[in-house]
Amino acid sequence: SGGGLVQPGGSLRLSCTVSRFTLDYYAMGWFRQAPG
């Protein structure tokens, strides 16, 4: 959650809510994919 439209130079904070497993057993990452 936390995505949206922002102007260049602006800020956003993305959040990832984890369920169904214990978070501290996993390293975590963020990836992104743009069109093409």
PDB file of all heavy atoms in Angstrom:
ATOM      1  N   SER A   1       0.843  -1.180   0.000  1.00  0.00           N
ATOM      2  CA  SER A   1       0.000   0.000   0.000  1.00  0.00           C
ATOM      3  C   SER A   1       0.885   1.238   0.000  1.00  0.00           C
ATOM      4  O   SER A   1       2.082   1.154   0.244  1.00  0.00           O
ATOM      5  CB  SER A   1      -0.945   0.017   1.201  1.00  0.00           C
ATOM      6  OG  SER A   1      -0.218   0.081   2.414  1.00  0.00           O
ATOM      7  N   GLY A   2       0.283   2.383  -0.276  1.00  0.00           N
ATOM      8  CA  GLY A   2       1.005   3.642  -0.213  1.00  0.00           C
ATOM      9  C   GLY A   2       1.387   4.234  -1.547  1.00  0.00           C
ATOM     10  O   GLY A   2       1.923   5.350  -1.592  1.00  0.00           O
ATOM     11  N   GLY A   3       1.141   3.529  -2.626  1.00  0.00           N
ATOM     12  CA  GLY A   3       1.445   4.065  -3.935  1.00  0.00           C
ATOM     13  C   GLY A   3       0.485   5.178  -4.316  1.00  0.00           C
ATOM     14  O   GLY A   3      -0.513   5.429  -3.648  1.00  0.00           O
ATOM     15  N   GLY A   4       0.816   5.846  -5.406  1.00  0.00           N
ATOM     16  CA  GLY A   4      -0.022   6.925  -5.873  1.00  0.00           C
ATOM     17  C   GLY A   4       0.707   7.806  -6.857  1.00  0.00           C
ATOM     18  O   GLY A   4       1.772   7.455  -7.366  1.00  0.00           O
ATOM     19  N   LEU A   5       0.124   8.959  -7.106  1.00  0.00           N
ATOM     20  CA  LEU A   5       0.686   9.945  -8.021  1.00  0.00           C
ATOM     21  C   LEU A   5       1.406  11.019  -7.230  1.00  0.00           C
ATOM     22  O   LEU A   5       0.845  11.588  -6.283  1.00  0.00           O
ATOM     23  CB  LEU A   5      -0.426  10.567  -8.868  1.00  0.00           C
ATOM     24  CG  LEU A   5      -0.031  11.704  -9.806  1.00  0.00           C
ATOM     25  CD1 LEU A   5       0.930  11.208 -10.876  1.00  0.00           C
ATOM     26  CD2 LEU A   5      -1.273  12.312 -10.430  1.00  0.00           C
ATOM     27  N   VAL A   6       2.631  11.307  -7.623  1.00  0.00           N
ATOM     28  CA  VAL A   6       3.423  12.322  -6.944  1.00  0.00           C
ATOM     29  C   VAL A   6       4.239  13.086  -7.978  1.00  0.00           C
ATOM     30  O   VAL A   6       4.618  12.537  -9.014  1.00  0.00           O
ATOM     31  CB  VAL A   6       4.337  11.679  -5.877  1.00  0.00           C
ATOM     32  CG1 VAL A   6       5.365  10.754  -6.525  1.00  0.00           C
ATOM     33  CG2 VAL A   6       5.018  12.733  -5.026  1.00  0.00           C
ATOM     34  N   GLN A   7       4.493  14.352  -7.706  1.00  0.00           N
ATOM     35  CA  GLN A   7       5.301  15.157  -8.608  1.00  0.00           C
ATOM     36  C   GLN A   7       6.781  14.866  -8.432  1.00  0.00           C
ATOM     37  O   GLN A   7       7.209  14.402  -7.365  1.00  0.00           O
ATOM     38  CB  GLN A   7       5.037  16.640  -8.368  1.00  0.00           C
ATOM     39  CG  GLN A   7       3.628  17.073  -8.724  1.00  0.00           C
ATOM     40  CD  GLN A   7       3.456  18.576  -8.670  1.00  0.00           C
ATOM     41  OE1 GLN A   7       4.372  19.315  -8.337  1.00  0.00           O
ATOM     42  NE2 GLN A   7       2.268  19.034  -9.010  1.00  0.00           N
ATOM     43  N   PRO A   8       7.578  15.106  -9.463  1.00  0.00           N
ATOM     44  CA  PRO A   8       9.026  14.924  -9.318  1.00  0.00           C
ATOM     45  C   PRO A   8       9.566  15.687  -8.117  1.00  0.00           C
ATOM     46  O   PRO A   8       9.189  16.830  -7.871  1.00  0.00           O
ATOM     47  CB  PRO A   8       9.581  15.473 -10.631  1.00  0.00           C
ATOM     48  CG  PRO A   8       8.477  15.269 -11.609  1.00  0.00           C
ATOM     49  CD  PRO A   8       7.206  15.506 -10.831  1.00  0.00           C
ATOM     50  N   GLY A   9      10.449  15.039  -7.379  1.00  0.00           N
ATOM     51  CA  GLY A   9      10.993  15.611  -6.165  1.00  0.00           C
ATOM     52  C   GLY A   9      10.198  15.301  -4.921  1.00  0.00           C
ATOM     53  O   GLY A   9      10.662  15.577  -3.803  1.00  0.00           O
ATOM     54  N   GLY A  10       9.032  14.723  -5.085  1.00  0.00           N
ATOM     55  CA  GLY A  10       8.181  14.401  -3.964  1.00  0.00           C
ATOM     56  C   GLY A  10       8.570  13.105  -3.280  1.00  0.00           C
ATOM     57  O   GLY A  10       9.539  12.445  -3.654  1.00  0.00           O
ATOM     58  N   SER A  11       7.782  12.745  -2.284  1.00  0.00           N
ATOM     59  CA  SER A  11       8.060  11.565  -1.470  1.00  0.00           C
ATOM     60  C   SER A  11       6.823  10.699  -1.314  1.00  0.00           C
ATOM     61  O   SER A  11       5.689  11.189  -1.332  1.00  0.00           O
ATOM     62  CB  SER A  11       8.546  11.969  -0.075  1.00  0.00           C
ATOM     63  OG  SER A  11       9.756  12.701  -0.133  1.00  0.00           O
ATOM     64  N   LEU A  12       7.060   9.419  -1.158  1.00  0.00           N
ATOM     65  CA  LEU A  12       6.031   8.452  -0.822  1.00  0.00           C
ATOM     66  C   LEU A  12       6.634   7.419   0.113  1.00  0.00           C
ATOM     67  O   LEU A  12       7.832   7.153   0.061  1.00  0.00           O
ATOM     68  CB  LEU A  12       5.496   7.735  -2.062  1.00  0.00           C
ATOM     69  CG  LEU A  12       4.571   8.482  -3.005  1.00  0.00           C
ATOM     70  CD1 LEU A  12       4.315   7.638  -4.246  1.00  0.00           C
ATOM     71  CD2 LEU A  12       3.259   8.830  -2.322  1.00  0.00           C
ATOM     72  N   ARG A  13       5.799   6.838   0.948  1.00  0.00           N
ATOM     73  CA  ARG A  13       6.214   5.703   1.751  1.00  0.00           C
ATOM     74  C   ARG A  13       5.320   4.523   1.435  1.00  0.00           C
ATOM     75  O   ARG A  13       4.102   4.582   1.634  1.00  0.00           O
ATOM     76  CB  ARG A  13       6.161   6.000   3.252  1.00  0.00           C
ATOM     77  CG  ARG A  13       6.797   4.872   4.082  1.00  0.00           C
ATOM     78  CD  ARG A  13       6.755   5.117   5.565  1.00  0.00           C
ATOM     79  NE  ARG A  13       5.433   4.882   6.124  1.00  0.00           N
ATOM     80  CZ  ARG A  13       5.193   4.670   7.412  1.00  0.00           C
ATOM     81  NH1 ARG A  13       6.204   4.673   8.283  1.00  0.00           N
ATOM     82  NH2 ARG A  13       3.953   4.485   7.829  1.00  0.00           N
ATOM     83  N   LEU A  14       5.931   3.473   0.945  1.00  0.00           N
ATOM     84  CA  LEU A  14       5.218   2.243   0.676  1.00  0.00           C
ATOM     85  C   LEU A  14       5.264   1.342   1.899  1.00  0.00           C
ATOM     86  O   LEU A  14       6.269   1.295   2.613  1.00  0.00           O
ATOM     87  CB  LEU A  14       5.824   1.503  -0.515  1.00  0.00           C
ATOM     88  CG  LEU A  14       5.953   2.288  -1.822  1.00  0.00           C
ATOM     89  CD1 LEU A  14       6.488   1.381  -2.918  1.00  0.00           C
ATOM     90  CD2 LEU A  14       4.624   2.903  -2.228  1.00  0.00           C
ATOM     91  N   SER A  15       4.184   0.624   2.116  1.00  0.00           N
ATOM     92  CA  SER A  15       4.113  -0.327   3.208  1.00  0.00           C
ATOM     93  C   SER A  15       3.790  -1.702   2.665  1.00  0.00           C
ATOM     94  O   SER A  15       3.061  -1.846   1.681  1.00  0.00           O
ATOM     95  CB  SER A  15       3.037   0.083   4.218  1.00  0.00           C
ATOM     96  OG  SER A  15       3.333   1.329   4.809  1.00  0.00           O
ATOM     97  N   CYS A  16       4.319  -2.700   3.313  1.00  0.00           N
ATOM     98  CA  CYS A  16       4.038  -4.093   2.986  1.00  0.00           C
ATOM     99  C   CYS A  16       3.576  -4.777   4.258  1.00  0.00           C
ATOM    100  O   CYS A  16       4.335  -4.862   5.231  1.00  0.00           O
ATOM    101  CB  CYS A  16       5.283  -4.769   2.419  1.00  0.00           C
ATOM    102  SG  CYS A  16       5.105  -6.537   2.089  1.00  0.00           S
ATOM    103  N   THR A  17       2.351  -5.235   4.250  1.00  0.00           N
ATOM    104  CA  THR A  17       1.788  -5.937   5.389  1.00  0.00           C
ATOM    105  C   THR A  17       1.905  -7.434   5.159  1.00  0.00           C
ATOM    106  O   THR A  17       1.439  -7.945   4.141  1.00  0.00           O
ATOM    107  CB  THR A  17       0.321  -5.549   5.595  1.00  0.00           C
ATOM    108  OG1 THR A  17       0.221  -4.142   5.792  1.00  0.00           O
ATOM    109  CG2 THR A  17      -0.251  -6.259   6.815  1.00  0.00           C
ATOM    110  N   VAL A  18       2.520  -8.119   6.102  1.00  0.00           N
ATOM    111  CA  VAL A  18       2.807  -9.545   5.975  1.00  0.00           C
ATOM    112  C   VAL A  18       1.856 -10.339   6.850  1.00  0.00           C
ATOM    113  O   VAL A  18       1.629  -9.991   8.010  1.00  0.00           O
ATOM    114  CB  VAL A  18       4.263  -9.845   6.366  1.00  0.00           C
ATOM    115  CG1 VAL A  18       4.548 -11.336   6.268  1.00  0.00           C
ATOM    116  CG2 VAL A  18       5.216  -9.061   5.486  1.00  0.00           C
ATOM    117  N   SER A  19       1.321 -11.396   6.291  1.00  0.00           N
ATOM    118  CA  SER A  19       0.467 -12.307   7.044  1.00  0.00           C
ATOM    119  C   SER A  19       0.798 -13.737   6.662  1.00  0.00           C
ATOM    120  O   SER A  19       1.516 -13.987   5.687  1.00  0.00           O
ATOM    121  CB  SER A  19      -1.008 -12.007   6.792  1.00  0.00           C
ATOM    122  OG  SER A  19      -1.344 -12.216   5.429  1.00  0.00           O
ATOM    123  N   ARG A  20       0.310 -14.667   7.448  1.00  0.00           N
ATOM    124  CA  ARG A  20       0.408 -16.098   7.176  1.00  0.00           C
ATOM    125  C   ARG A  20       1.803 -16.674   7.358  1.00  0.00           C
ATOM    126  O   ARG A  20       1.995 -17.883   7.183  1.00  0.00           O
ATOM    127  CB  ARG A  20      -0.118 -16.433   5.770  1.00  0.00           C
ATOM    128  CG  ARG A  20      -1.588 -16.094   5.592  1.00  0.00           C
ATOM    129  CD  ARG A  20      -2.016 -16.225   4.159  1.00  0.00           C
ATOM    130  NE  ARG A  20      -1.812 -17.573   3.649  1.00  0.00           N
ATOM    131  CZ  ARG A  20      -1.976 -17.924   2.380  1.00  0.00           C
ATOM    132  NH1 ARG A  20      -2.353 -17.012   1.486  1.00  0.00           N
ATOM    133  NH2 ARG A  20      -1.759 -19.167   2.005  1.00  0.00           N
ATOM    134  N   PHE A  21       2.774 -15.883   7.708  1.00  0.00           N
ATOM    135  CA  PHE A  21       4.075 -16.398   8.081  1.00  0.00           C
ATOM    136  C   PHE A  21       4.766 -15.410   9.010  1.00  0.00           C
ATOM    137  O   PHE A  21       4.399 -14.236   9.064  1.00  0.00           O
ATOM    138  CB  PHE A  21       4.955 -16.746   6.875  1.00  0.00           C
ATOM    139  CG  PHE A  21       5.309 -15.579   5.993  1.00  0.00           C
ATOM    140  CD1 PHE A  21       6.431 -14.812   6.256  1.00  0.00           C
ATOM    141  CD2 PHE A  21       4.546 -15.279   4.881  1.00  0.00           C
ATOM    142  CE1 PHE A  21       6.779 -13.759   5.425  1.00  0.00           C
ATOM    143  CE2 PHE A  21       4.884 -14.234   4.042  1.00  0.00           C
ATOM    144  CZ  PHE A  21       6.003 -13.473   4.317  1.00  0.00           C
ATOM    145  N   THR A  22       5.776 -15.894   9.706  1.00  0.00           N
ATOM    146  CA  THR A  22       6.514 -15.068  10.649  1.00  0.00           C
ATOM    147  C   THR A  22       7.575 -14.285   9.904  1.00  0.00           C
ATOM    148  O   THR A  22       8.463 -14.860   9.281  1.00  0.00           O
ATOM    149  CB  THR A  22       7.157 -15.930  11.738  1.00  0.00           C
ATOM    150  OG1 THR A  22       6.141 -16.675  12.409  1.00  0.00           O
ATOM    151  CG2 THR A  22       7.888 -15.061  12.752  1.00  0.00           C
ATOM    152  N   LEU A  23       7.494 -12.985   9.982  1.00  0.00           N
ATOM    153  CA  LEU A  23       8.331 -12.125   9.161  1.00  0.00           C
ATOM    154  C   LEU A  23       9.817 -12.319   9.417  1.00  0.00           C
ATOM    155  O   LEU A  23      10.619 -12.259   8.477  1.00  0.00           O
ATOM    156  CB  LEU A  23       7.944 -10.662   9.379  1.00  0.00           C
ATOM    157  CG  LEU A  23       8.693  -9.629   8.540  1.00  0.00           C
ATOM    158  CD1 LEU A  23       8.481  -9.883   7.051  1.00  0.00           C
ATOM    159  CD2 LEU A  23       8.242  -8.229   8.914  1.00  0.00           C
ATOM    160  N   ASP A  24      10.224 -12.556  10.652  1.00  0.00           N
ATOM    161  CA  ASP A  24      11.648 -12.603  10.957  1.00  0.00           C
ATOM    162  C   ASP A  24      12.362 -13.837  10.420  1.00  0.00           C
ATOM    163  O   ASP A  24      13.578 -13.951  10.580  1.00  0.00           O
ATOM    164  CB  ASP A  24      11.904 -12.428  12.451  1.00  0.00           C
ATOM    165  CG  ASP A  24      11.227 -13.458  13.322  1.00  0.00           C
ATOM    166  OD1 ASP A  24      10.596 -14.388  12.786  1.00  0.00           O
ATOM    167  OD2 ASP A  24      11.325 -13.328  14.555  1.00  0.00           O
ATOM    168  N   TYR A  25      11.658 -14.740   9.765  1.00  0.00           N
ATOM    169  CA  TYR A  25      12.302 -15.863   9.081  1.00  0.00           C
ATOM    170  C   TYR A  25      12.722 -15.502   7.655  1.00  0.00           C
ATOM    171  O   TYR A  25      13.344 -16.321   6.972  1.00  0.00           O
ATOM    172  CB  TYR A  25      11.363 -17.071   9.013  1.00  0.00           C
ATOM    173  CG  TYR A  25      11.205 -17.804  10.316  1.00  0.00           C
ATOM    174  CD1 TYR A  25      10.038 -17.695  11.055  1.00  0.00           C
ATOM    175  CD2 TYR A  25      12.222 -18.619  10.802  1.00  0.00           C
ATOM    176  CE1 TYR A  25       9.884 -18.373  12.257  1.00  0.00           C
ATOM    177  CE2 TYR A  25      12.074 -19.300  11.999  1.00  0.00           C
ATOM    178  CZ  TYR A  25      10.903 -19.174  12.719  1.00  0.00           C
ATOM    179  OH  TYR A  25      10.745 -19.852  13.903  1.00  0.00           O
ATOM    180  N   TYR A  26      12.407 -14.302   7.205  1.00  0.00           N
ATOM    181  CA  TYR A  26      12.615 -13.928   5.819  1.00  0.00           C
ATOM    182  C   TYR A  26      13.374 -12.615   5.686  1.00  0.00           C
ATOM    183  O   TYR A  26      13.094 -11.647   6.389  1.00  0.00           O
ATOM    184  CB  TYR A  26      11.269 -13.781   5.099  1.00  0.00           C
ATOM    185  CG  TYR A  26      10.471 -15.050   5.046  1.00  0.00           C
ATOM    186  CD1 TYR A  26       9.623 -15.406   6.088  1.00  0.00           C
ATOM    187  CD2 TYR A  26      10.563 -15.895   3.943  1.00  0.00           C
ATOM    188  CE1 TYR A  26       8.891 -16.586   6.042  1.00  0.00           C
ATOM    189  CE2 TYR A  26       9.831 -17.073   3.890  1.00  0.00           C
ATOM    190  CZ  TYR A  26       9.000 -17.408   4.941  1.00  0.00           C
ATOM    191  OH  TYR A  26       8.277 -18.572   4.879  1.00  0.00           O
ATOM    192  N   ALA A  27      14.333 -12.618   4.758  1.00  0.00           N
ATOM    193  CA  ALA A  27      14.799 -11.348   4.244  1.00  0.00           C
ATOM    194  C   ALA A  27      13.707 -10.786   3.338  1.00  0.00           C
ATOM    195  O   ALA A  27      12.907 -11.538   2.774  1.00  0.00           O
ATOM    196  CB  ALA A  27      16.101 -11.530   3.459  1.00  0.00           C
ATOM    197  N   MET A  28      13.668  -9.477   3.213  1.00  0.00           N
ATOM    198  CA  MET A  28      12.602  -8.843   2.454  1.00  0.00           C
ATOM    199  C   MET A  28      13.185  -7.902   1.413  1.00  0.00           C
ATOM    200  O   MET A  28      14.236  -7.294   1.616  1.00  0.00           O
ATOM    201  CB  MET A  28      11.668  -8.069   3.380  1.00  0.00           C
ATOM    202  CG  MET A  28      10.984  -8.920   4.434  1.00  0.00           C
ATOM    203  SD  MET A  28       9.849 -10.151   3.732  1.00  0.00           S
ATOM    204  CE  MET A  28       8.599  -9.090   3.004  1.00  0.00           C
ATOM    205  N   GLY A  29      12.471  -7.783   0.314  1.00  0.00           N
ATOM    206  CA  GLY A  29      12.920  -6.914  -0.747  1.00  0.00           C
ATOM    207  C   GLY A  29      11.787  -6.149  -1.393  1.00  0.00           C
ATOM    208  O   GLY A  29      10.616  -6.517  -1.272  1.00  0.00           O
ATOM    209  N   TRP A  30      12.167  -5.082  -2.053  1.00  0.00           N
ATOM    210  CA  TRP A  30      11.269  -4.329  -2.914  1.00  0.00           C
ATOM    211  C   TRP A  30      11.809  -4.381  -4.339  1.00  0.00           C
ATOM    212  O   TRP A  30      13.008  -4.179  -4.565  1.00  0.00           O
ATOM    213  CB  TRP A  30      11.145  -2.873  -2.475  1.00  0.00           C
ATOM    214  CG  TRP A  30      10.336  -2.668  -1.229  1.00  0.00           C
ATOM    215  CD1 TRP A  30      10.793  -2.572   0.040  1.00  0.00           C
ATOM    216  CD2 TRP A  30       8.914  -2.517  -1.155  1.00  0.00           C
ATOM    217  NE1 TRP A  30       9.757  -2.371   0.913  1.00  0.00           N
ATOM    218  CE2 TRP A  30       8.589  -2.331   0.206  1.00  0.00           C
ATOM    219  CE3 TRP A  30       7.894  -2.520  -2.102  1.00  0.00           C
ATOM    220  CZ2 TRP A  30       7.270  -2.151   0.641  1.00  0.00           C
ATOM    221  CZ3 TRP A  30       6.589  -2.344  -1.669  1.00  0.00           C
ATOM    222  CH2 TRP A  30       6.293  -2.163  -0.315  1.00  0.00           C
ATOM    223  N   PHE A  31      10.920  -4.649  -5.263  1.00  0.00           N
ATOM    224  CA  PHE A  31      11.230  -4.656  -6.683  1.00  0.00           C
ATOM    225  C   PHE A  31      10.224  -3.772  -7.398  1.00  0.00           C
ATOM    226  O   PHE A  31       9.173  -3.450  -6.862  1.00  0.00           O
ATOM    227  CB  PHE A  31      11.173  -6.074  -7.248  1.00  0.00           C
ATOM    228  CG  PHE A  31      12.246  -6.982  -6.720  1.00  0.00           C
ATOM    229  CD1 PHE A  31      12.144  -7.548  -5.460  1.00  0.00           C
ATOM    230  CD2 PHE A  31      13.360  -7.274  -7.484  1.00  0.00           C
ATOM    231  CE1 PHE A  31      13.126  -8.386  -4.965  1.00  0.00           C
ATOM    232  CE2 PHE A  31      14.353  -8.113  -7.003  1.00  0.00           C
ATOM    233  CZ  PHE A  31      14.239  -8.665  -5.747  1.00  0.00           C
ATOM    234  N   ARG A  32      10.546  -3.412  -8.606  1.00  0.00           N
ATOM    235  CA  ARG A  32       9.611  -2.625  -9.396  1.00  0.00           C
ATOM    236  C   ARG A  32       9.667  -3.057 -10.853  1.00  0.00           C
ATOM    237  O   ARG A  32      10.658  -3.594 -11.327  1.00  0.00           O
ATOM    238  CB  ARG A  32       9.904  -1.127  -9.278  1.00  0.00           C
ATOM    239  CG  ARG A  32      11.245  -0.693  -9.859  1.00  0.00           C
ATOM    240  CD  ARG A  32      11.529   0.758  -9.498  1.00  0.00           C
ATOM    241  NE  ARG A  32      12.773   1.235 -10.088  1.00  0.00           N
ATOM    242  CZ  ARG A  32      13.322   2.408  -9.825  1.00  0.00           C
ATOM    243  NH1 ARG A  32      12.722   3.240  -8.964  1.00  0.00           N
ATOM    244  NH2 ARG A  32      14.463   2.766 -10.404  1.00  0.00           N
ATOM    245  N   GLN A  33       8.583  -2.796 -11.547  1.00  0.00           N
ATOM    246  CA  GLN A  33       8.506  -3.142 -12.950  1.00  0.00           C
ATOM    247  C   GLN A  33       7.743  -2.058 -13.694  1.00  0.00           C
ATOM    248  O   GLN A  33       6.589  -1.768 -13.376  1.00  0.00           O
ATOM    249  CB  GLN A  33       7.830  -4.499 -13.156  1.00  0.00           C
ATOM    250  CG  GLN A  33       7.908  -5.009 -14.580  1.00  0.00           C
ATOM    251  CD  GLN A  33       7.585  -6.490 -14.684  1.00  0.00           C
ATOM    252  OE1 GLN A  33       6.952  -7.065 -13.804  1.00  0.00           O
ATOM    253  NE2 GLN A  33       8.034  -7.110 -15.758  1.00  0.00           N
ATOM    254  N   ALA A  34       8.407  -1.474 -14.662  1.00  0.00           N
ATOM    255  CA  ALA A  34       7.813  -0.462 -15.516  1.00  0.00           C
ATOM    256  C   ALA A  34       7.406  -1.087 -16.839  1.00  0.00           C
ATOM    257  O   ALA A  34       7.938  -2.141 -17.232  1.00  0.00           O
ATOM    258  CB  ALA A  34       8.799   0.674 -15.753  1.00  0.00           C
ATOM    259  N   PRO A  35       6.475  -0.473 -17.559  1.00  0.00           N
ATOM    260  CA  PRO A  35       6.064  -1.021 -18.852  1.00  0.00           C
ATOM    261  C   PRO A  35       7.246  -1.220 -19.786  1.00  0.00           C
ATOM    262  O   PRO A  35       8.085  -0.333 -19.952  1.00  0.00           O
ATOM    263  CB  PRO A  35       5.106   0.041 -19.389  1.00  0.00           C
ATOM    264  CG  PRO A  35       4.553   0.691 -18.166  1.00  0.00           C
ATOM    265  CD  PRO A  35       5.700   0.725 -17.199  1.00  0.00           C
ATOM    266  N   GLY A  36       7.311  -2.398 -20.395  1.00  0.00           N
ATOM    267  CA  GLY A  36       8.369  -2.697 -21.333  1.00  0.00           C
ATOM    268  C   GLY A  36       9.698  -3.064 -20.714  1.00  0.00           C
ATOM    269  O   GLY A  36      10.673  -3.262 -21.445  1.00  0.00           O
TER     270      GLY A  36
END
